[in-house]
Amino acid sequence: MKNNKKQLRRSGAKIMGSLILLLGSLAYIIILAVINGSLGFISAMGVTLFGAIGIAKALGESIALSYGLIVTLAVLCGVIRGLLRFFEQYGNHYIAFRLLAVLRDKIFASLRVLCPAKLECKQKGSIIAIITSDIETLEVFYAHTISPICIAVIVSIVVFLFVGFVSSWYLALVALLGYILIGSIVPMISSSKLKASGVHYRVEFASFNAYFLDSIKGIKDIVLNNAGEVRKEEVNRRSDVLLKETKNMKHDITKTGAATELTVSIIILLTLACGIALVASDMLTIGRMIIGVVAVFGSFGPVIAISALPGNLTQTFASGDRVLDLLSEQPAVTPVENGEKFKYNNLKVENLSFAYDEDIAVLTDIKMHAEQGEIIGIVGESGCGKSTFLKLLLRFWQKDKGSICYNGIDIDRVDPDSLFDNVTMVSQTTYLFDETIEENLRIAKPDATMEELENACRLASVHNFILTLPDGYKSCVGALGDNLSAGEKQRIGLARAFLRGSDLILLDEPTSNVDSINEGIILKALKEQKHKKSIILVSHRESTMSIADRIYRVEKGRMYE
């Protein structure tokens, strides 16, 4: 039970309220949809109601309308119903798709603030699920939830008053009891039961999505390590778990639907019994009883739609909660506004400490400095905090204490654009877009000339390889860069850094995926570049440090020169 509350921190009402607030200036379209829907359903009721009025007239009720006019009005109600239904659905879906576009824009804006720290987490599949399936699920809320609730309330009030004034207030009270039970009590009970199954389904769906995405991205390594069967078994196991949660949710939805239908049947029988009793006791004529009973019988459609909402909203609430969580999530670092700009000359780190978890320190009292024209080496075993240190230099994370100063300006006061203009990092894994090599290089400098591209690639020892490809720089790298080896991708990432031309380059294991010959060429190029810029070179290889002017060793979270 505690876990469920943790997973779904907001109540259904709070989620609905928060999602409605996102409507903003588009609220008027929802209002128009509600008006069209309410008038449309009343028009639909008018078809059978005018039929009941005709029967009442035939039974001797004093009805001022002629039979011809009654038939005409019944037909007219049917036509109006069709037109209003169209405008209602058009308005609902227009607002839904407009809101989906707005939501996606908000989510990407939120991710821009949360990144790159947000993408350091392993659950990238969960983020993809939010952007795709969770957003699509919210379409149900905006297109099929807000309007039906408002329509049910309006129609119920109109029918209650009509039956009370035209037929009998006793029948009206029975109808009111039915509206409350079907439109309020049953959904509340259903919602509490369906909440858990909906959350479990979304959690398992996100987990499966993340695992399956990892499996696809790592398919080469799975095949090379003959781990296909093991991975297949795990995918099947997770699939079975997801299927089980889906069945549980569908089972709960079916029970809710059965409860609603049973309640409607009971209310209809009560209405009919009440009408017969009123006629038997001469408190109501049979003609007016027919009009009242027909009006009540035909009015349950909107409240039945509300009663069915918990089943439809089970996933919507879970998706909405996840989307709202992302939109309200605080970034790992507070964005710097009106920060100071600088032109890199030197870097000085004093007493720097950082921990991902408060109880487990990653870096403690780090001190180092780098001057223009220096190559600084940082060595240490895997997992000792070398990569984390580089990310702190780019403010991926908020340092716990100490200072990171560029030209004497602490990083927490530096303008982010100025920081990324002056500092470039090449990480251990280079991401390549499914475009040409040239287009992938131009990410670093869109207006670069072909000569600049080739010079950068020569420095990274990848130019000759590119020329061996059928289309040279116009060759496509494929999805996730699958047409290239890890070493080739790494060298293209290094070429990007040279092309970028930043005065400080952070290199995280830049030669880990290349052979000794290419490593030598790259290290020679780095040494030749050092008079123009500073280079901080991180590696676990001692041989890579041969070009460093000064070397720092990281051991157990501490750094020694």
Protein backbone atom coordinates (compact mmCIF):
# COMPACT_ATOMS: atom_id res chain seq x y z
CA MET A 1 0.00 0.00 0.00
CA LYS A 2 2.86 2.37 0.84
CA ASN A 3 4.47 1.64 -2.47
CA ASN A 4 1.25 2.52 -4.34
CA LYS A 5 1.05 5.88 -2.60
CA LYS A 6 4.67 6.54 -3.43
CA GLN A 7 4.11 5.72 -7.06
CA LEU A 8 0.93 7.81 -7.37
CA ARG A 9 1.46 10.81 -5.11
CA ARG A 10 -1.46 12.82 -6.45
CA SER A 11 -5.14 12.01 -6.17
CA GLY A 12 -7.25 11.68 -9.31
CA ALA A 13 -8.97 15.00 -8.57
CA LYS A 14 -5.63 16.79 -8.20
CA ILE A 15 -4.33 15.34 -11.46
CA MET A 16 -7.51 16.40 -13.26
CA GLY A 17 -7.30 19.89 -11.78
CA SER A 18 -3.64 20.27 -12.81
CA LEU A 19 -4.34 19.05 -16.35
CA ILE A 20 -7.31 21.41 -16.70
CA LEU A 21 -5.13 24.35 -15.64
CA LEU A 22 -2.89 23.57 -18.61
CA LEU A 23 -5.80 24.55 -20.90
CA GLY A 24 -5.09 28.22 -20.37
CA SER A 25 -6.44 30.37 -23.20
CA LEU A 26 -7.89 27.31 -24.98
CA ALA A 27 -10.59 26.89 -22.30
CA TYR A 28 -13.23 28.62 -24.46
CA ILE A 29 -13.14 25.72 -26.93
CA ILE A 30 -13.99 23.29 -24.12
CA ILE A 31 -16.89 25.56 -23.09
CA LEU A 32 -18.23 25.51 -26.66
CA ALA A 33 -17.87 21.72 -26.76
CA VAL A 34 -19.81 21.39 -23.49
CA ILE A 35 -22.62 23.64 -24.77
CA ASN A 36 -22.84 21.72 -28.04
CA GLY A 37 -22.74 18.37 -26.23
CA SER A 38 -25.42 19.32 -23.70
CA LEU A 39 -27.79 20.72 -26.32
CA GLY A 40 -27.02 17.75 -28.56
CA PHE A 41 -27.94 15.16 -25.92
CA ILE A 42 -31.08 17.04 -24.98
CA SER A 43 -31.97 17.05 -28.69
CA ALA A 44 -31.39 13.28 -28.81
CA MET A 45 -33.71 12.86 -25.85
CA GLY A 46 -36.22 15.06 -27.65
CA VAL A 47 -36.76 12.35 -30.31
CA THR A 48 -38.13 9.80 -27.81
CA LEU A 49 -39.64 12.47 -25.56
CA PHE A 50 -41.81 13.88 -28.36
CA GLY A 51 -42.84 10.29 -29.09
CA ALA A 52 -43.93 9.96 -25.43
CA ILE A 53 -45.77 13.30 -25.69
CA GLY A 54 -47.64 11.98 -28.76
CA ILE A 55 -48.63 8.83 -26.80
CA ALA A 56 -49.72 11.00 -23.84
CA LYS A 57 -51.86 13.12 -26.18
CA ALA A 58 -53.46 9.96 -27.58
CA LEU A 59 -54.25 8.84 -24.00
CA GLY A 60 -56.17 12.06 -23.40
CA GLU A 61 -53.57 14.41 -21.94
CA SER A 62 -54.12 18.05 -22.66
CA ILE A 63 -51.24 18.70 -25.09
CA ALA A 64 -51.36 21.96 -27.09
CA LEU A 65 -49.11 20.59 -29.86
CA SER A 66 -50.66 18.94 -32.92
CA TYR A 67 -49.57 15.43 -34.01
CA GLY A 68 -47.94 16.87 -37.12
CA LEU A 69 -45.95 19.39 -35.10
CA ILE A 70 -44.90 16.68 -32.62
CA VAL A 71 -43.55 14.51 -35.47
CA THR A 72 -41.83 17.52 -37.06
CA LEU A 73 -40.17 18.47 -33.77
CA ALA A 74 -39.03 14.85 -33.23
CA VAL A 75 -37.39 14.77 -36.70
CA LEU A 76 -35.89 18.23 -36.16
CA CYS A 77 -34.37 17.09 -32.84
CA GLY A 78 -32.67 14.20 -34.66
CA VAL A 79 -31.14 16.52 -37.27
CA ILE A 80 -29.99 19.04 -34.67
CA ARG A 81 -28.50 16.21 -32.61
CA GLY A 82 -26.31 15.15 -35.54
CA LEU A 83 -25.02 18.68 -36.20
CA LEU A 84 -24.32 19.44 -32.53
CA ARG A 85 -22.62 16.07 -32.05
CA PHE A 86 -20.24 16.91 -34.90
CA PHE A 87 -19.32 20.31 -33.42
CA GLU A 88 -18.93 18.79 -29.95
CA GLN A 89 -16.53 16.09 -31.16
CA TYR A 90 -14.68 18.56 -33.39
CA GLY A 91 -14.16 20.91 -30.43
CA ASN A 92 -13.05 18.09 -28.12
CA HIS A 93 -10.50 16.67 -30.54
CA TYR A 94 -9.28 20.10 -31.62
CA ILE A 95 -8.52 21.00 -28.01
CA ALA A 96 -7.00 17.55 -27.40
CA PHE A 97 -4.52 17.73 -30.27
CA ARG A 98 -3.69 21.38 -29.61
CA LEU A 99 -3.03 20.52 -25.96
CA LEU A 100 -0.89 17.52 -26.92
CA ALA A 101 1.31 19.86 -28.96
CA VAL A 102 1.48 22.32 -26.06
CA LEU A 103 2.29 19.51 -23.60
CA ARG A 104 5.09 18.16 -25.78
CA ASP A 105 6.51 21.66 -26.03
CA LYS A 106 6.35 22.01 -22.22
CA ILE A 107 7.99 18.61 -21.69
CA PHE A 108 10.87 19.35 -24.08
CA ALA A 109 11.29 22.78 -22.43
CA SER A 110 11.41 21.04 -19.05
CA LEU A 111 13.94 18.48 -20.34
CA ARG A 112 16.14 21.30 -21.64
CA VAL A 113 16.33 22.62 -18.08
CA LEU A 114 16.73 19.18 -16.48
CA CYS A 115 19.39 18.00 -18.94
CA PRO A 116 22.09 16.89 -19.18
CA ALA A 117 21.82 15.52 -15.62
CA LYS A 118 18.41 13.99 -16.38
CA LEU A 119 19.85 11.94 -19.23
CA GLU A 120 22.61 10.62 -16.99
CA CYS A 121 20.00 8.32 -15.40
CA LYS A 122 19.55 4.84 -16.82
CA GLN A 123 15.79 5.09 -17.37
CA LYS A 124 15.92 6.78 -20.79
CA GLY A 125 13.17 4.39 -21.91
CA SER A 126 10.90 5.86 -19.24
CA ILE A 127 11.51 9.36 -20.60
CA ILE A 128 10.69 8.14 -24.12
CA ALA A 129 7.49 6.56 -22.75
CA ILE A 130 6.46 9.93 -21.26
CA ILE A 131 7.12 11.80 -24.51
CA THR A 132 5.25 9.25 -26.63
CA SER A 133 2.69 6.94 -24.99
CA ASP A 134 1.94 8.99 -21.85
CA ILE A 135 1.23 12.12 -23.88
CA GLU A 136 -0.98 10.15 -26.27
CA THR A 137 -2.89 8.68 -23.31
CA LEU A 138 -3.75 12.20 -22.11
CA GLU A 139 -5.70 12.69 -25.33
CA VAL A 140 -8.42 10.57 -23.67
CA PHE A 141 -8.65 13.07 -20.85
CA TYR A 142 -8.95 16.19 -22.97
CA ALA A 143 -11.18 14.69 -25.70
CA HIS A 144 -13.35 12.29 -23.68
CA THR A 145 -13.37 13.35 -20.03
CA ILE A 146 -13.81 17.08 -19.39
CA SER A 147 -16.81 17.53 -21.71
CA PRO A 148 -18.67 14.33 -20.66
CA ILE A 149 -18.52 15.33 -16.97
CA CYS A 150 -19.84 18.84 -17.65
CA ILE A 151 -22.50 17.50 -20.05
CA ALA A 152 -23.67 14.92 -17.48
CA VAL A 153 -24.11 17.62 -14.82
CA ILE A 154 -26.02 19.98 -17.14
CA VAL A 155 -28.27 17.27 -18.63
CA SER A 156 -29.05 15.80 -15.19
CA ILE A 157 -30.12 19.20 -13.85
CA VAL A 158 -32.28 19.93 -16.92
CA VAL A 159 -34.01 16.51 -16.77
CA PHE A 160 -34.52 16.75 -13.00
CA LEU A 161 -36.31 20.11 -13.38
CA PHE A 162 -38.27 19.00 -16.48
CA VAL A 163 -39.56 15.80 -14.83
CA GLY A 164 -40.35 17.67 -11.62
CA PHE A 165 -42.40 20.42 -13.29
CA VAL A 166 -43.98 18.40 -16.11
CA SER A 167 -44.50 14.99 -14.47
CA SER A 168 -43.76 14.42 -10.76
CA TRP A 169 -41.14 15.49 -8.23
CA TYR A 170 -41.14 11.95 -6.87
CA LEU A 171 -39.94 10.65 -10.23
CA ALA A 172 -37.45 13.54 -10.35
CA LEU A 173 -36.04 12.54 -6.93
CA VAL A 174 -35.65 8.90 -8.04
CA ALA A 175 -33.80 10.15 -11.13
CA LEU A 176 -31.59 12.37 -8.95
CA LEU A 177 -30.74 9.37 -6.76
CA GLY A 178 -29.74 7.47 -9.89
CA TYR A 179 -27.55 10.32 -11.16
CA ILE A 180 -25.71 10.53 -7.84
CA LEU A 181 -25.18 6.77 -7.62
CA ILE A 182 -24.17 6.22 -11.26
CA GLY A 183 -22.29 9.46 -11.84
CA SER A 184 -20.62 9.88 -8.46
CA ILE A 185 -20.71 7.01 -5.94
CA VAL A 186 -19.95 4.16 -8.37
CA PRO A 187 -17.06 6.05 -10.08
CA MET A 188 -15.54 6.97 -6.70
CA ILE A 189 -15.58 3.34 -5.54
CA SER A 190 -14.29 2.16 -8.92
CA SER A 191 -11.55 4.75 -9.02
CA SER A 192 -10.08 3.67 -5.68
CA LYS A 193 -10.00 0.05 -6.87
CA LEU A 194 -8.64 0.81 -10.32
CA LYS A 195 -5.94 3.26 -9.18
CA ALA A 196 -3.54 0.56 -8.02
CA SER A 197 -3.91 -1.60 -11.15
CA GLY A 198 -3.48 1.45 -13.40
CA VAL A 199 -0.29 2.55 -11.66
CA HIS A 200 1.14 -0.99 -11.68
CA TYR A 201 0.44 -1.22 -15.40
CA ARG A 202 2.16 2.09 -16.22
CA VAL A 203 5.17 1.23 -14.05
CA GLU A 204 5.58 -2.16 -15.72
CA PHE A 205 5.01 -0.63 -19.15
CA ALA A 206 7.77 1.96 -18.56
CA SER A 207 10.10 -0.70 -17.15
CA PHE A 208 9.52 -3.02 -20.12
CA ASN A 209 9.97 -0.11 -22.53
CA ALA A 210 13.31 0.85 -20.97
CA TYR A 211 14.61 -2.75 -20.91
CA PHE A 212 13.49 -3.45 -24.48
CA LEU A 213 15.11 -0.21 -25.71
CA ASP A 214 18.38 -1.20 -24.02
CA SER A 215 18.15 -4.64 -25.64
CA ILE A 216 17.74 -3.15 -29.12
CA LYS A 217 20.59 -0.66 -28.64
CA GLY A 218 22.88 -3.40 -27.33
CA ILE A 219 21.90 -6.10 -29.82
CA LYS A 220 25.46 -6.41 -31.20
CA ASP A 221 26.98 -7.03 -27.78
CA ILE A 222 24.20 -9.48 -26.94
CA VAL A 223 24.94 -11.50 -30.09
CA LEU A 224 28.73 -11.33 -29.69
CA ASN A 225 28.49 -12.55 -26.09
CA ASN A 226 25.97 -15.25 -27.00
CA ALA A 227 23.59 -13.76 -24.42
CA GLY A 228 20.54 -13.89 -26.69
CA GLU A 229 18.74 -16.69 -24.85
CA VAL A 230 19.24 -15.08 -21.44
CA ARG A 231 18.04 -11.72 -22.75
CA LYS A 232 15.11 -13.37 -24.51
CA GLU A 233 14.04 -15.10 -21.30
CA GLU A 234 14.15 -11.82 -19.41
CA VAL A 235 12.17 -10.02 -22.13
CA ASN A 236 9.58 -12.82 -22.03
CA ARG A 237 9.43 -12.65 -18.23
CA ARG A 238 8.88 -8.90 -18.26
CA SER A 239 6.33 -9.32 -21.05
CA ASP A 240 4.44 -11.87 -18.94
CA VAL A 241 4.48 -9.49 -15.96
CA LEU A 242 3.13 -6.69 -18.17
CA LEU A 243 0.46 -9.03 -19.57
CA LYS A 244 -0.56 -10.00 -16.05
CA GLU A 245 -0.93 -6.35 -15.02
CA THR A 246 -2.93 -5.69 -18.20
CA LYS A 247 -5.30 -8.56 -17.39
CA ASN A 248 -5.70 -7.35 -13.81
CA MET A 249 -6.57 -3.87 -15.03
CA LYS A 250 -9.04 -5.16 -17.66
CA HIS A 251 -10.63 -7.44 -15.05
CA ASP A 252 -11.15 -4.47 -12.70
CA ILE A 253 -12.58 -2.38 -15.55
CA THR A 254 -15.03 -5.18 -16.45
CA LYS A 255 -16.25 -5.43 -12.86
CA THR A 256 -16.77 -1.68 -12.77
CA GLY A 257 -18.82 -1.79 -15.98
CA ALA A 258 -20.98 -4.60 -14.59
CA ALA A 259 -21.60 -2.62 -11.38
CA THR A 260 -22.69 0.41 -13.43
CA GLU A 261 -25.09 -1.60 -15.60
CA LEU A 262 -26.61 -3.22 -12.52
CA THR A 263 -27.12 0.18 -10.87
CA VAL A 264 -28.77 1.59 -14.01
CA SER A 265 -31.13 -1.40 -14.20
CA ILE A 266 -32.12 -0.97 -10.55
CA ILE A 267 -32.80 2.76 -10.98
CA ILE A 268 -34.91 2.12 -14.10
CA LEU A 269 -36.98 -0.44 -12.21
CA LEU A 270 -37.38 1.99 -9.28
CA THR A 271 -38.46 4.77 -11.64
CA LEU A 272 -41.01 2.52 -13.32
CA ALA A 273 -42.30 1.22 -9.96
CA CYS A 274 -42.58 4.77 -8.62
CA GLY A 275 -44.49 5.89 -11.75
CA ILE A 276 -46.92 2.94 -11.52
CA ALA A 277 -47.44 3.61 -7.79
CA LEU A 278 -48.17 7.30 -8.46
CA VAL A 279 -50.71 6.39 -11.19
CA ALA A 280 -52.33 3.73 -8.93
CA SER A 281 -52.73 6.29 -6.13
CA ASP A 282 -54.21 8.87 -8.54
CA MET A 283 -51.31 11.24 -7.87
CA LEU A 284 -50.29 11.22 -11.55
CA THR A 285 -52.03 10.62 -14.84
CA ILE A 286 -50.75 7.79 -17.01
CA GLY A 287 -49.87 10.20 -19.84
CA ARG A 288 -47.66 12.40 -17.65
CA MET A 289 -46.20 9.29 -16.04
CA ILE A 290 -45.10 8.06 -19.50
CA ILE A 291 -43.54 11.44 -20.31
CA GLY A 292 -41.65 11.50 -16.98
CA VAL A 293 -40.52 7.87 -17.15
CA VAL A 294 -39.35 8.19 -20.79
CA ALA A 295 -37.43 11.37 -19.91
CA VAL A 296 -35.68 9.61 -17.02
CA PHE A 297 -34.98 6.45 -19.03
CA GLY A 298 -33.33 8.46 -21.81
CA SER A 299 -31.19 10.61 -19.52
CA PHE A 300 -28.69 8.05 -18.19
CA GLY A 301 -26.32 8.18 -21.16
CA PRO A 302 -24.11 11.06 -19.86
CA VAL A 303 -23.89 9.69 -16.29
CA ILE A 304 -23.09 6.20 -17.61
CA ALA A 305 -20.24 7.82 -19.56
CA ILE A 306 -18.97 9.30 -16.27
CA SER A 307 -19.26 5.94 -14.55
CA ALA A 308 -17.12 4.40 -17.28
CA LEU A 309 -14.43 7.05 -16.88
CA PRO A 310 -12.46 5.35 -14.06
CA GLY A 311 -11.71 2.47 -16.43
CA ASN A 312 -10.59 4.85 -19.17
CA LEU A 313 -8.82 7.14 -16.73
CA THR A 314 -6.86 4.41 -14.95
CA GLN A 315 -3.96 4.81 -17.35
CA THR A 316 -4.67 8.50 -17.91
CA PHE A 317 -4.19 9.37 -14.23
CA ALA A 318 -0.98 7.33 -14.07
CA SER A 319 0.28 8.97 -17.29
CA GLY A 320 -0.83 12.40 -16.12
CA ASP A 321 0.97 11.91 -12.81
CA ARG A 322 4.21 10.97 -14.59
CA VAL A 323 3.94 13.97 -16.95
CA LEU A 324 3.19 16.36 -14.08
CA ASP A 325 6.11 14.86 -12.13
CA LEU A 326 8.44 15.68 -15.01
CA LEU A 327 7.02 19.20 -15.44
CA SER A 328 7.41 19.90 -11.71
CA GLU A 329 10.80 18.20 -11.32
CA GLN A 330 13.53 20.47 -10.06
CA PRO A 331 16.77 20.49 -12.07
CA ALA A 332 19.95 19.05 -10.58
CA VAL A 333 21.46 22.51 -10.98
CA THR A 334 19.73 25.87 -10.61
CA PRO A 335 19.81 27.69 -13.98
CA VAL A 336 22.11 30.72 -13.97
CA GLU A 337 20.30 33.87 -15.08
CA ASN A 338 22.16 36.99 -16.19
CA GLY A 339 25.43 35.14 -15.63
CA GLU A 340 28.88 36.53 -16.33
CA LYS A 341 30.53 35.90 -19.68
CA PHE A 342 34.21 35.10 -20.04
CA LYS A 343 36.96 34.25 -22.53
CA TYR A 344 38.84 31.25 -21.17
CA ASN A 345 42.33 31.86 -19.81
CA ASN A 346 42.61 29.58 -16.78
CA LEU A 347 40.72 27.16 -14.54
CA LYS A 348 41.13 26.80 -10.79
CA VAL A 349 39.39 24.23 -8.59
CA GLU A 350 39.54 24.58 -4.81
CA ASN A 351 38.21 22.25 -2.09
CA LEU A 352 35.64 20.70 -4.44
CA SER A 353 33.39 18.00 -2.96
CA PHE A 354 30.47 16.18 -4.53
CA ALA A 355 28.19 13.22 -3.80
CA TYR A 356 25.29 11.77 -5.82
CA ASP A 357 23.97 10.40 -2.54
CA GLU A 358 24.45 12.36 0.68
CA ASP A 359 25.96 9.32 2.40
CA ILE A 360 28.41 8.33 -0.36
CA ALA A 361 31.03 10.92 -1.33
CA VAL A 362 32.33 10.67 -4.92
CA LEU A 363 34.87 13.51 -4.76
CA THR A 364 36.38 15.13 -1.65
CA ASP A 365 38.43 18.34 -1.31
CA ILE A 366 39.63 18.32 -4.92
CA LYS A 367 42.26 20.89 -5.87
CA MET A 368 43.65 21.41 -9.37
CA HIS A 369 44.41 24.16 -11.85
CA ALA A 370 44.91 24.47 -15.59
CA GLU A 371 46.46 27.30 -17.56
CA GLN A 372 46.22 28.26 -21.22
CA GLY A 373 48.59 26.10 -23.25
CA GLU A 374 48.71 23.18 -20.80
CA ILE A 375 47.74 19.54 -21.15
CA ILE A 376 46.55 18.24 -17.80
CA GLY A 377 46.34 14.48 -17.31
CA ILE A 378 43.97 12.81 -14.85
CA VAL A 379 44.42 9.09 -14.21
CA GLY A 380 42.72 6.60 -11.96
CA GLU A 381 40.83 3.34 -11.88
CA SER A 382 37.37 3.04 -13.40
CA GLY A 383 34.67 4.39 -11.08
CA CYS A 384 36.99 6.62 -9.07
CA GLY A 385 35.17 9.83 -10.11
CA LYS A 386 37.22 11.05 -13.10
CA SER A 387 34.22 11.39 -15.45
CA THR A 388 32.13 12.96 -12.69
CA PHE A 389 34.83 15.59 -12.20
CA LEU A 390 34.68 16.56 -15.90
CA LYS A 391 30.88 16.82 -15.74
CA LEU A 392 31.16 19.11 -12.72
CA LEU A 393 33.44 21.36 -14.80
CA LEU A 394 30.48 21.76 -17.20
CA ARG A 395 27.97 22.08 -14.33
CA PHE A 396 26.03 18.91 -15.17
CA TRP A 397 25.61 18.60 -11.40
CA GLN A 398 25.57 21.08 -8.53
CA LYS A 399 28.80 20.90 -6.52
CA ASP A 400 28.28 20.36 -2.81
CA LYS A 401 31.06 22.69 -1.69
CA GLY A 402 34.24 24.34 -2.91
CA SER A 403 34.77 26.38 -6.05
CA ILE A 404 35.28 25.88 -9.79
CA CYS A 405 36.52 29.18 -11.20
CA TYR A 406 37.04 30.18 -14.82
CA ASN A 407 39.19 33.33 -14.97
CA GLY A 408 38.36 33.82 -11.29
CA ILE A 409 34.55 33.56 -11.84
CA ASP A 410 32.82 30.75 -9.96
CA ILE A 411 30.93 28.38 -12.24
CA ASP A 412 27.67 29.10 -10.38
CA ARG A 413 27.88 32.68 -11.68
CA VAL A 414 28.93 31.87 -15.25
CA ASP A 415 26.52 32.34 -18.16
CA PRO A 416 25.66 28.80 -19.46
CA ASP A 417 26.08 29.78 -23.14
CA SER A 418 29.43 31.35 -22.39
CA LEU A 419 30.49 28.19 -20.53
CA PHE A 420 29.64 25.90 -23.47
CA ASP A 421 31.27 28.32 -25.93
CA ASN A 422 34.56 28.10 -24.04
CA VAL A 423 34.50 24.47 -22.87
CA THR A 424 33.89 21.33 -24.96
CA MET A 425 33.77 17.77 -23.69
CA VAL A 426 34.26 14.55 -25.62
CA SER A 427 32.70 11.73 -23.61
CA GLN A 428 33.57 8.04 -23.68
CA THR A 429 30.67 7.26 -26.01
CA THR A 430 29.99 9.51 -29.01
CA TYR A 431 26.39 9.75 -30.19
CA LEU A 432 25.93 10.03 -33.94
CA PHE A 433 22.66 10.99 -35.57
CA ASP A 434 21.23 8.99 -38.46
CA GLU A 435 22.62 11.48 -40.95
CA THR A 436 25.79 11.93 -43.01
CA ILE A 437 29.24 12.25 -41.46
CA GLU A 438 29.36 15.86 -42.66
CA GLU A 439 26.05 16.71 -40.97
CA ASN A 440 27.20 15.02 -37.76
CA LEU A 441 30.36 17.13 -37.78
CA ARG A 442 28.48 20.37 -38.46
CA ILE A 443 26.68 20.02 -35.12
CA ALA A 444 29.86 21.49 -33.61
CA LYS A 445 30.06 24.34 -36.13
CA PRO A 446 27.14 24.68 -38.60
CA ASP A 447 28.88 27.25 -40.82
CA ALA A 448 32.20 25.38 -41.08
CA THR A 449 33.84 25.20 -44.49
CA MET A 450 34.74 21.85 -46.04
CA GLU A 451 38.39 22.65 -45.45
CA GLU A 452 37.73 23.16 -41.72
CA LEU A 453 35.87 19.84 -41.54
CA GLU A 454 38.75 17.99 -43.22
CA ASN A 455 41.40 19.63 -41.01
CA ALA A 456 39.49 18.66 -37.86
CA CYS A 457 39.20 15.08 -39.10
CA ARG A 458 42.92 14.96 -39.93
CA LEU A 459 43.72 16.00 -36.36
CA ALA A 460 41.44 13.22 -35.11
CA SER A 461 43.05 10.68 -37.46
CA VAL A 462 39.75 9.89 -39.19
CA HIS A 463 40.04 11.82 -42.50
CA ASN A 464 41.70 8.98 -44.46
CA PHE A 465 39.09 6.50 -43.22
CA ILE A 466 36.24 8.78 -44.34
CA LEU A 467 37.76 9.02 -47.82
CA THR A 468 37.64 5.21 -48.14
CA LEU A 469 33.84 5.27 -47.78
CA PRO A 470 31.79 5.20 -51.04
CA ASP A 471 30.32 8.68 -50.47
CA GLY A 472 33.12 10.14 -48.35
CA TYR A 473 31.83 12.85 -46.04
CA LYS A 474 28.34 12.36 -47.51
CA SER A 475 28.20 8.76 -46.19
CA CYS A 476 25.35 8.03 -43.78
CA VAL A 477 26.38 6.68 -40.38
CA GLY A 478 23.11 4.77 -39.86
CA ALA A 479 20.86 4.59 -36.80
CA LEU A 480 22.94 5.09 -33.63
CA GLY A 481 26.03 5.18 -35.88
CA ASP A 482 25.79 1.44 -36.50
CA ASN A 483 27.66 1.69 -39.81
CA LEU A 484 30.81 2.72 -37.94
CA SER A 485 32.95 1.01 -35.31
CA ALA A 486 33.30 2.33 -31.76
CA GLY A 487 36.77 3.67 -32.54
CA GLU A 488 35.58 5.45 -35.69
CA LYS A 489 32.70 7.05 -33.80
CA GLN A 490 35.09 8.12 -31.05
CA ARG A 491 37.42 9.79 -33.55
CA ILE A 492 34.51 11.64 -35.19
CA GLY A 493 33.55 12.85 -31.70
CA LEU A 494 37.11 14.09 -31.26
CA ALA A 495 36.96 15.80 -34.66
CA ARG A 496 33.84 17.61 -33.49
CA ALA A 497 35.80 18.96 -30.50
CA PHE A 498 38.63 20.21 -32.77
CA LEU A 499 36.07 21.78 -35.13
CA ARG A 500 34.28 23.47 -32.28
CA GLY A 501 37.44 25.40 -31.47
CA SER A 502 36.78 25.87 -27.73
CA ASP A 503 39.70 27.09 -25.65
CA LEU A 504 39.31 24.29 -23.08
CA ILE A 505 38.74 20.71 -24.24
CA LEU A 506 37.77 17.98 -21.78
CA LEU A 507 38.60 14.52 -23.09
CA ASP A 508 37.14 11.50 -21.30
CA GLU A 509 39.06 8.38 -22.41
CA PRO A 510 39.54 9.77 -25.96
CA THR A 511 41.65 6.82 -27.15
CA SER A 512 39.93 3.95 -25.33
CA ASN A 513 38.47 2.51 -28.56
CA VAL A 514 41.39 3.05 -30.94
CA ASP A 515 44.51 1.03 -31.68
CA SER A 516 48.01 2.09 -30.62
CA ILE A 517 48.86 3.59 -34.05
CA ASN A 518 45.81 5.85 -34.13
CA GLU A 519 46.29 6.64 -30.44
CA GLY A 520 49.78 7.92 -31.24
CA ILE A 521 48.47 10.08 -34.11
CA ILE A 522 45.70 11.53 -31.90
CA LEU A 523 48.07 12.24 -29.00
CA LYS A 524 50.50 13.94 -31.39
CA ALA A 525 47.65 16.11 -32.70
CA LEU A 526 46.63 17.02 -29.16
CA LYS A 527 50.19 18.03 -28.29
CA GLU A 528 50.35 20.23 -31.38
CA GLN A 529 47.09 21.94 -30.39
CA LYS A 530 48.09 22.72 -26.79
CA HIS A 531 49.67 26.11 -27.52
CA LYS A 532 46.23 27.31 -28.69
CA LYS A 533 44.16 25.93 -25.82
CA SER A 534 44.01 23.95 -22.57
CA ILE A 535 43.32 20.22 -22.65
CA ILE A 536 42.25 18.10 -19.69
CA LEU A 537 42.86 14.48 -20.59
CA VAL A 538 41.21 11.73 -18.53
CA SER A 539 42.34 8.14 -18.99
CA HIS A 540 43.05 4.95 -17.11
CA ARG A 541 45.94 4.27 -19.52
CA GLU A 542 49.33 5.41 -18.26
CA SER A 543 50.63 5.57 -21.86
CA THR A 544 48.09 8.27 -22.74
CA MET A 545 49.66 10.54 -20.10
CA SER A 546 52.96 10.80 -22.02
CA ILE A 547 51.90 14.14 -23.54
CA ALA A 548 50.66 15.69 -20.26
CA ASP A 549 52.48 18.66 -18.72
CA ARG A 550 51.10 17.80 -15.29
CA ILE A 551 49.32 14.69 -14.06
CA TYR A 552 46.74 14.23 -11.30
CA ARG A 553 45.88 10.85 -9.86
CA VAL A 554 42.41 10.14 -8.43
CA GLU A 555 42.16 7.58 -5.63
CA LYS A 556 39.12 6.99 -3.43
CA GLY A 557 37.57 10.33 -4.33
CA ARG A 558 40.70 12.39 -3.73
CA MET A 559 43.05 13.94 -6.26
CA TYR A 560 46.82 14.16 -5.98
CA GLU A 561 49.26 15.93 -8.33
